[in-house]
Amino acid sequence: MDIIDFCYGEDYTLNVTFEDGTKAIKDMKPLLNRGVFQALQDERFFRSAELDDGVIRWPNGADFCPDAFYQEVKNRLLQ
């Protein structure tokens, strides 16, 4: 499921809209100490993400799988 829009929220979150209209908040804080995501600790760098073919990407190659996040969101709604 592609992401069609996003904006930055507070405290390293992303407000995401999927192609079916589902909206969700992605908390990036748990990833900030891992590999390529460490660069996102710099808030200016965190805010340099772009939407590329349905995926949010940063200039250093960091991204997250929109399909996995979409499934996570749907699973939360079913609980």
PDB file of N, CA and C in Angstrom:
ATOM      1  N   MET A   1       0.853  -1.171   0.000  1.00  0.00           N
ATOM      2  CA  MET A   1       0.000   0.000   0.000  1.00  0.00           C
ATOM      3  C   MET A   1       0.899   1.235   0.000  1.00  0.00           C
ATOM      4  N   ASP A   2       0.785   2.055  -1.009  1.00  0.00           N
ATOM      5  CA  ASP A   2       1.623   3.246  -1.132  1.00  0.00           C
ATOM      6  C   ASP A   2       1.180   4.356  -0.192  1.00  0.00           C
ATOM      7  N   ILE A   3       2.146   5.157   0.210  1.00  0.00           N
ATOM      8  CA  ILE A   3       1.883   6.390   0.934  1.00  0.00           C
ATOM      9  C   ILE A   3       1.698   7.470  -0.120  1.00  0.00           C
ATOM     10  N   ILE A   4       0.651   8.278   0.012  1.00  0.00           N
ATOM     11  CA  ILE A   4       0.412   9.333  -0.980  1.00  0.00           C
ATOM     12  C   ILE A   4       0.714  10.721  -0.433  1.00  0.00           C
ATOM     13  N   ASP A   5       0.836  10.823   0.903  1.00  0.00           N
ATOM     14  CA  ASP A   5       1.134  12.123   1.488  1.00  0.00           C
ATOM     15  C   ASP A   5       1.653  11.913   2.905  1.00  0.00           C
ATOM     16  N   PHE A   6       2.471  12.861   3.360  1.00  0.00           N
ATOM     17  CA  PHE A   6       2.910  12.835   4.747  1.00  0.00           C
ATOM     18  C   PHE A   6       3.292  14.245   5.161  1.00  0.00           C
ATOM     19  N   CYS A   7       3.279  14.461   6.457  1.00  0.00           N
ATOM     20  CA  CYS A   7       3.814  15.693   7.018  1.00  0.00           C
ATOM     21  C   CYS A   7       4.466  15.337   8.345  1.00  0.00           C
ATOM     22  N   TYR A   8       5.307  16.231   8.805  1.00  0.00           N
ATOM     23  CA  TYR A   8       6.030  15.989  10.048  1.00  0.00           C
ATOM     24  C   TYR A   8       5.150  16.328  11.233  1.00  0.00           C
ATOM     25  N   GLY A   9       5.147  15.457  12.214  1.00  0.00           N
ATOM     26  CA  GLY A   9       4.457  15.713  13.467  1.00  0.00           C
ATOM     27  C   GLY A   9       5.469  16.143  14.513  1.00  0.00           C
ATOM     28  N   GLU A  10       5.087  16.028  15.747  1.00  0.00           N
ATOM     29  CA  GLU A  10       5.970  16.400  16.845  1.00  0.00           C
ATOM     30  C   GLU A  10       6.809  15.204  17.267  1.00  0.00           C
ATOM     31  N   ASP A  11       7.998  15.498  17.786  1.00  0.00           N
ATOM     32  CA  ASP A  11       8.834  14.495  18.440  1.00  0.00           C
ATOM     33  C   ASP A  11       9.109  13.274  17.554  1.00  0.00           C
ATOM     34  N   TYR A  12       9.616  13.532  16.354  1.00  0.00           N
ATOM     35  CA  TYR A  12      10.026  12.476  15.424  1.00  0.00           C
ATOM     36  C   TYR A  12       8.891  11.555  14.988  1.00  0.00           C
ATOM     37  N   THR A  13       7.757  12.155  14.707  1.00  0.00           N
ATOM     38  CA  THR A  13       6.651  11.383  14.146  1.00  0.00           C
ATOM     39  C   THR A  13       6.340  11.890  12.741  1.00  0.00           C
ATOM     40  N   LEU A  14       5.716  11.014  11.966  1.00  0.00           N
ATOM     41  CA  LEU A  14       5.257  11.343  10.626  1.00  0.00           C
ATOM     42  C   LEU A  14       3.761  11.074  10.554  1.00  0.00           C
ATOM     43  N   ASN A  15       3.006  12.027  10.057  1.00  0.00           N
ATOM     44  CA  ASN A  15       1.575  11.850   9.821  1.00  0.00           C
ATOM     45  C   ASN A  15       1.428  11.379   8.380  1.00  0.00           C
ATOM     46  N   VAL A  16       0.988  10.158   8.210  1.00  0.00           N
ATOM     47  CA  VAL A  16       1.014   9.468   6.922  1.00  0.00           C
ATOM     48  C   VAL A  16      -0.404   9.250   6.403  1.00  0.00           C
ATOM     49  N   THR A  17      -0.585   9.424   5.088  1.00  0.00           N
ATOM     50  CA  THR A  17      -1.837   9.078   4.422  1.00  0.00           C
ATOM     51  C   THR A  17      -1.534   8.035   3.352  1.00  0.00           C
ATOM     52  N   PHE A  18      -2.254   6.907   3.429  1.00  0.00           N
ATOM     53  CA  PHE A  18      -2.098   5.836   2.450  1.00  0.00           C
ATOM     54  C   PHE A  18      -3.062   6.042   1.286  1.00  0.00           C
ATOM     55  N   GLU A  19      -2.820   5.332   0.204  1.00  0.00           N
ATOM     56  CA  GLU A  19      -3.612   5.508  -1.011  1.00  0.00           C
ATOM     57  C   GLU A  19      -5.086   5.172  -0.850  1.00  0.00           C
ATOM     58  N   ASP A  20      -5.450   4.384   0.165  1.00  0.00           N
ATOM     59  CA  ASP A  20      -6.868   4.083   0.391  1.00  0.00           C
ATOM     60  C   ASP A  20      -7.522   5.083   1.345  1.00  0.00           C
ATOM     61  N   GLY A  21      -6.782   6.128   1.735  1.00  0.00           N
ATOM     62  CA  GLY A  21      -7.305   7.156   2.619  1.00  0.00           C
ATOM     63  C   GLY A  21      -7.014   6.928   4.092  1.00  0.00           C
ATOM     64  N   THR A  22      -6.476   5.765   4.440  1.00  0.00           N
ATOM     65  CA  THR A  22      -6.114   5.493   5.828  1.00  0.00           C
ATOM     66  C   THR A  22      -5.044   6.470   6.271  1.00  0.00           C
ATOM     67  N   LYS A  23      -5.227   7.028   7.472  1.00  0.00           N
ATOM     68  CA  LYS A  23      -4.256   7.960   8.042  1.00  0.00           C
ATOM     69  C   LYS A  23      -3.694   7.345   9.308  1.00  0.00           C
ATOM     70  N   ALA A  24      -2.390   7.562   9.526  1.00  0.00           N
ATOM     71  CA  ALA A  24      -1.740   6.994  10.701  1.00  0.00           C
ATOM     72  C   ALA A  24      -0.532   7.842  11.073  1.00  0.00           C
ATOM     73  N   ILE A  25      -0.072   7.646  12.284  1.00  0.00           N
ATOM     74  CA  ILE A  25       1.127   8.330  12.762  1.00  0.00           C
ATOM     75  C   ILE A  25       2.232   7.296  12.907  1.00  0.00           C
ATOM     76  N   LYS A  26       3.363   7.563  12.278  1.00  0.00           N
ATOM     77  CA  LYS A  26       4.533   6.687  12.379  1.00  0.00           C
ATOM     78  C   LYS A  26       5.509   7.324  13.357  1.00  0.00           C
ATOM     79  N   ASP A  27       5.735   6.664  14.477  1.00  0.00           N
ATOM     80  CA  ASP A  27       6.700   7.115  15.473  1.00  0.00           C
ATOM     81  C   ASP A  27       8.069   6.574  15.080  1.00  0.00           C
ATOM     82  N   MET A  28       8.971   7.460  14.725  1.00  0.00           N
ATOM     83  CA  MET A  28      10.290   7.035  14.275  1.00  0.00           C
ATOM     84  C   MET A  28      11.288   6.899  15.420  1.00  0.00           C
ATOM     85  N   LYS A  29      10.948   7.358  16.617  1.00  0.00           N
ATOM     86  CA  LYS A  29      11.895   7.328  17.743  1.00  0.00           C
ATOM     87  C   LYS A  29      12.501   5.948  17.997  1.00  0.00           C
ATOM     88  N   PRO A  30      11.728   4.858  17.946  1.00  0.00           N
ATOM     89  CA  PRO A  30      12.332   3.549  18.216  1.00  0.00           C
ATOM     90  C   PRO A  30      13.428   3.151  17.218  1.00  0.00           C
ATOM     91  N   LEU A  31      13.473   3.799  16.077  1.00  0.00           N
ATOM     92  CA  LEU A  31      14.465   3.446  15.055  1.00  0.00           C
ATOM     93  C   LEU A  31      15.722   4.303  15.100  1.00  0.00           C
ATOM     94  N   LEU A  32      15.718   5.384  15.866  1.00  0.00           N
ATOM     95  CA  LEU A  32      16.783   6.385  15.788  1.00  0.00           C
ATOM     96  C   LEU A  32      18.153   5.910  16.257  1.00  0.00           C
ATOM     97  N   ASN A  33      18.248   4.776  16.891  1.00  0.00           N
ATOM     98  CA  ASN A  33      19.547   4.249  17.332  1.00  0.00           C
ATOM     99  C   ASN A  33      20.016   3.091  16.471  1.00  0.00           C
ATOM    100  N   ARG A  34      19.390   2.906  15.310  1.00  0.00           N
ATOM    101  CA  ARG A  34      19.702   1.766  14.447  1.00  0.00           C
ATOM    102  C   ARG A  34      20.265   2.207  13.107  1.00  0.00           C
ATOM    103  N   GLY A  35      21.420   1.703  12.758  1.00  0.00           N
ATOM    104  CA  GLY A  35      22.004   1.847  11.428  1.00  0.00           C
ATOM    105  C   GLY A  35      21.805   3.200  10.770  1.00  0.00           C
ATOM    106  N   VAL A  36      21.259   3.181   9.543  1.00  0.00           N
ATOM    107  CA  VAL A  36      21.093   4.413   8.771  1.00  0.00           C
ATOM    108  C   VAL A  36      20.119   5.396   9.419  1.00  0.00           C
ATOM    109  N   PHE A  37      19.299   4.921  10.341  1.00  0.00           N
ATOM    110  CA  PHE A  37      18.337   5.805  11.002  1.00  0.00           C
ATOM    111  C   PHE A  37      18.993   6.714  12.041  1.00  0.00           C
ATOM    112  N   GLN A  38      20.221   6.419  12.467  1.00  0.00           N
ATOM    113  CA  GLN A  38      20.907   7.261  13.456  1.00  0.00           C
ATOM    114  C   GLN A  38      21.036   8.697  12.971  1.00  0.00           C
ATOM    115  N   ALA A  39      21.215   8.888  11.679  1.00  0.00           N
ATOM    116  CA  ALA A  39      21.345  10.241  11.123  1.00  0.00           C
ATOM    117  C   ALA A  39      20.078  11.063  11.345  1.00  0.00           C
ATOM    118  N   LEU A  40      18.946  10.393  11.529  1.00  0.00           N
ATOM    119  CA  LEU A  40      17.669  11.089  11.722  1.00  0.00           C
ATOM    120  C   LEU A  40      17.557  11.730  13.099  1.00  0.00           C
ATOM    121  N   GLN A  41      18.509  11.453  13.989  1.00  0.00           N
ATOM    122  CA  GLN A  41      18.522  12.102  15.294  1.00  0.00           C
ATOM    123  C   GLN A  41      18.682  13.615  15.139  1.00  0.00           C
ATOM    124  N   ASP A  42      19.349  14.028  14.067  1.00  0.00           N
ATOM    125  CA  ASP A  42      19.455  15.456  13.739  1.00  0.00           C
ATOM    126  C   ASP A  42      18.103  15.864  13.156  1.00  0.00           C
ATOM    127  N   GLU A  43      17.381  16.726  13.874  1.00  0.00           N
ATOM    128  CA  GLU A  43      16.016  17.059  13.461  1.00  0.00           C
ATOM    129  C   GLU A  43      15.959  17.682  12.071  1.00  0.00           C
ATOM    130  N   ARG A  44      16.957  18.475  11.712  1.00  0.00           N
ATOM    131  CA  ARG A  44      16.939  19.055  10.352  1.00  0.00           C
ATOM    132  C   ARG A  44      17.059  17.956   9.310  1.00  0.00           C
ATOM    133  N   PHE A  45      17.886  16.958   9.577  1.00  0.00           N
ATOM    134  CA  PHE A  45      18.007  15.848   8.638  1.00  0.00           C
ATOM    135  C   PHE A  45      16.721  15.028   8.619  1.00  0.00           C
ATOM    136  N   PHE A  46      16.138  14.806   9.797  1.00  0.00           N
ATOM    137  CA  PHE A  46      14.866  14.083   9.867  1.00  0.00           C
ATOM    138  C   PHE A  46      13.827  14.745   8.965  1.00  0.00           C
ATOM    139  N   ARG A  47      13.820  16.062   8.945  1.00  0.00           N
ATOM    140  CA  ARG A  47      12.830  16.814   8.170  1.00  0.00           C
ATOM    141  C   ARG A  47      13.228  16.988   6.701  1.00  0.00           C
ATOM    142  N   SER A  48      14.212  16.216   6.252  1.00  0.00           N
ATOM    143  CA  SER A  48      14.624  16.295   4.846  1.00  0.00           C
ATOM    144  C   SER A  48      14.058  15.147   4.008  1.00  0.00           C
ATOM    145  N   ALA A  49      13.145  14.381   4.581  1.00  0.00           N
ATOM    146  CA  ALA A  49      12.563  13.232   3.868  1.00  0.00           C
ATOM    147  C   ALA A  49      11.721  13.698   2.686  1.00  0.00           C
ATOM    148  N   GLU A  50      11.633  12.834   1.698  1.00  0.00           N
ATOM    149  CA  GLU A  50      10.794  13.082   0.523  1.00  0.00           C
ATOM    150  C   GLU A  50       9.989  11.830   0.217  1.00  0.00           C
ATOM    151  N   LEU A  51       8.852  12.036  -0.422  1.00  0.00           N
ATOM    152  CA  LEU A  51       8.017  10.932  -0.865  1.00  0.00           C
ATOM    153  C   LEU A  51       8.470  10.518  -2.260  1.00  0.00           C
ATOM    154  N   ASP A  52       8.845   9.253  -2.413  1.00  0.00           N
ATOM    155  CA  ASP A  52       9.386   8.744  -3.668  1.00  0.00           C
ATOM    156  C   ASP A  52       8.694   7.426  -3.998  1.00  0.00           C
ATOM    157  N   ASP A  53       7.831   7.442  -5.005  1.00  0.00           N
ATOM    158  CA  ASP A  53       7.119   6.228  -5.428  1.00  0.00           C
ATOM    159  C   ASP A  53       6.412   5.523  -4.278  1.00  0.00           C
ATOM    160  N   GLY A  54       5.725   6.294  -3.440  1.00  0.00           N
ATOM    161  CA  GLY A  54       4.938   5.721  -2.365  1.00  0.00           C
ATOM    162  C   GLY A  54       5.697   5.386  -1.106  1.00  0.00           C
ATOM    163  N   VAL A  55       6.985   5.743  -1.056  1.00  0.00           N
ATOM    164  CA  VAL A  55       7.846   5.437   0.086  1.00  0.00           C
ATOM    165  C   VAL A  55       8.473   6.734   0.587  1.00  0.00           C
ATOM    166  N   ILE A  56       8.508   6.910   1.912  1.00  0.00           N
ATOM    167  CA  ILE A  56       9.195   8.062   2.501  1.00  0.00           C
ATOM    168  C   ILE A  56      10.665   7.699   2.606  1.00  0.00           C
ATOM    169  N   ARG A  57      11.529   8.545   2.009  1.00  0.00           N
ATOM    170  CA  ARG A  57      12.974   8.271   1.975  1.00  0.00           C
ATOM    171  C   ARG A  57      13.757   9.496   2.429  1.00  0.00           C
ATOM    172  N   TRP A  58      14.898   9.228   3.051  1.00  0.00           N
ATOM    173  CA  TRP A  58      15.824  10.275   3.443  1.00  0.00           C
ATOM    174  C   TRP A  58      17.039  10.236   2.531  1.00  0.00           C
ATOM    175  N   PRO A  59      17.788  11.345   2.448  1.00  0.00           N
ATOM    176  CA  PRO A  59      18.930  11.418   1.528  1.00  0.00           C
ATOM    177  C   PRO A  59      20.012  10.358   1.756  1.00  0.00           C
ATOM    178  N   ASN A  60      20.111   9.809   2.958  1.00  0.00           N
ATOM    179  CA  ASN A  60      21.128   8.785   3.231  1.00  0.00           C
ATOM    180  C   ASN A  60      20.665   7.372   2.882  1.00  0.00           C
ATOM    181  N   GLY A  61      19.466   7.236   2.300  1.00  0.00           N
ATOM    182  CA  GLY A  61      18.961   5.928   1.913  1.00  0.00           C
ATOM    183  C   GLY A  61      18.020   5.297   2.927  1.00  0.00           C
ATOM    184  N   ALA A  62      17.852   5.914   4.084  1.00  0.00           N
ATOM    185  CA  ALA A  62      16.923   5.379   5.087  1.00  0.00           C
ATOM    186  C   ALA A  62      15.497   5.491   4.568  1.00  0.00           C
ATOM    187  N   ASP A  63      14.708   4.480   4.842  1.00  0.00           N
ATOM    188  CA  ASP A  63      13.284   4.499   4.523  1.00  0.00           C
ATOM    189  C   ASP A  63      12.616   3.426   5.387  1.00  0.00           C
ATOM    190  N   PHE A  64      11.310   3.340   5.318  1.00  0.00           N
ATOM    191  CA  PHE A  64      10.628   2.239   5.996  1.00  0.00           C
ATOM    192  C   PHE A  64       9.584   1.683   5.043  1.00  0.00           C
ATOM    193  N   CYS A  65       9.277   0.427   5.229  1.00  0.00           N
ATOM    194  CA  CYS A  65       8.379  -0.279   4.323  1.00  0.00           C
ATOM    195  C   CYS A  65       6.939   0.170   4.555  1.00  0.00           C
ATOM    196  N   PRO A  66       6.320   0.830   3.573  1.00  0.00           N
ATOM    197  CA  PRO A  66       4.944   1.276   3.774  1.00  0.00           C
ATOM    198  C   PRO A  66       3.969   0.108   3.910  1.00  0.00           C
ATOM    199  N   ASP A  67       4.225  -1.007   3.246  1.00  0.00           N
ATOM    200  CA  ASP A  67       3.324  -2.164   3.349  1.00  0.00           C
ATOM    201  C   ASP A  67       3.301  -2.725   4.764  1.00  0.00           C
ATOM    202  N   ALA A  68       4.478  -2.857   5.379  1.00  0.00           N
ATOM    203  CA  ALA A  68       4.548  -3.375   6.745  1.00  0.00           C
ATOM    204  C   ALA A  68       3.879  -2.408   7.712  1.00  0.00           C
ATOM    205  N   PHE A  69       4.093  -1.107   7.528  1.00  0.00           N
ATOM    206  CA  PHE A  69       3.464  -0.124   8.404  1.00  0.00           C
ATOM    207  C   PHE A  69       1.946  -0.139   8.222  1.00  0.00           C
ATOM    208  N   TYR A  70       1.489  -0.249   6.990  1.00  0.00           N
ATOM    209  CA  TYR A  70       0.053  -0.314   6.723  1.00  0.00           C
ATOM    210  C   TYR A  70      -0.569  -1.522   7.434  1.00  0.00           C
ATOM    211  N   GLN A  71       0.090  -2.662   7.351  1.00  0.00           N
ATOM    212  CA  GLN A  71      -0.421  -3.868   8.016  1.00  0.00           C
ATOM    213  C   GLN A  71      -0.452  -3.679   9.528  1.00  0.00           C
ATOM    214  N   GLU A  72       0.596  -3.048  10.070  1.00  0.00           N
ATOM    215  CA  GLU A  72       0.626  -2.749  11.499  1.00  0.00           C
ATOM    216  C   GLU A  72      -0.560  -1.876  11.903  1.00  0.00           C
ATOM    217  N   VAL A  73      -0.840  -0.864  11.112  1.00  0.00           N
ATOM    218  CA  VAL A  73      -1.966   0.027  11.384  1.00  0.00           C
ATOM    219  C   VAL A  73      -3.286  -0.725  11.338  1.00  0.00           C
ATOM    220  N   LYS A  74      -3.488  -1.532  10.306  1.00  0.00           N
ATOM    221  CA  LYS A  74      -4.724  -2.305  10.173  1.00  0.00           C
ATOM    222  C   LYS A  74      -4.879  -3.302  11.318  1.00  0.00           C
ATOM    223  N   ASN A  75      -3.803  -3.932  11.735  1.00  0.00           N
ATOM    224  CA  ASN A  75      -3.860  -4.874  12.851  1.00  0.00           C
ATOM    225  C   ASN A  75      -4.276  -4.167  14.147  1.00  0.00           C
ATOM    226  N   ARG A  76      -3.765  -2.947  14.359  1.00  0.00           N
ATOM    227  CA  ARG A  76      -4.141  -2.184  15.549  1.00  0.00           C
ATOM    228  C   ARG A  76      -5.626  -1.859  15.527  1.00  0.00           C
ATOM    229  N   LEU A  77      -6.175  -1.559  14.348  1.00  0.00           N
ATOM    230  CA  LEU A  77      -7.585  -1.219  14.243  1.00  0.00           C
ATOM    231  C   LEU A  77      -8.492  -2.410  14.534  1.00  0.00           C
ATOM    232  N   LEU A  78      -7.982  -3.615  14.284  1.00  0.00           N
ATOM    233  CA  LEU A  78      -8.771  -4.824  14.513  1.00  0.00           C
ATOM    234  C   LEU A  78      -8.797  -5.265  15.977  1.00  0.00           C
ATOM    235  N   GLN A  79      -7.885  -4.743  16.765  1.00  0.00           N
ATOM    236  CA  GLN A  79      -7.808  -5.150  18.185  1.00  0.00           C
ATOM    237  C   GLN A  79      -8.850  -4.474  19.017  1.00  0.00           C
TER     238      GLN A  79
END
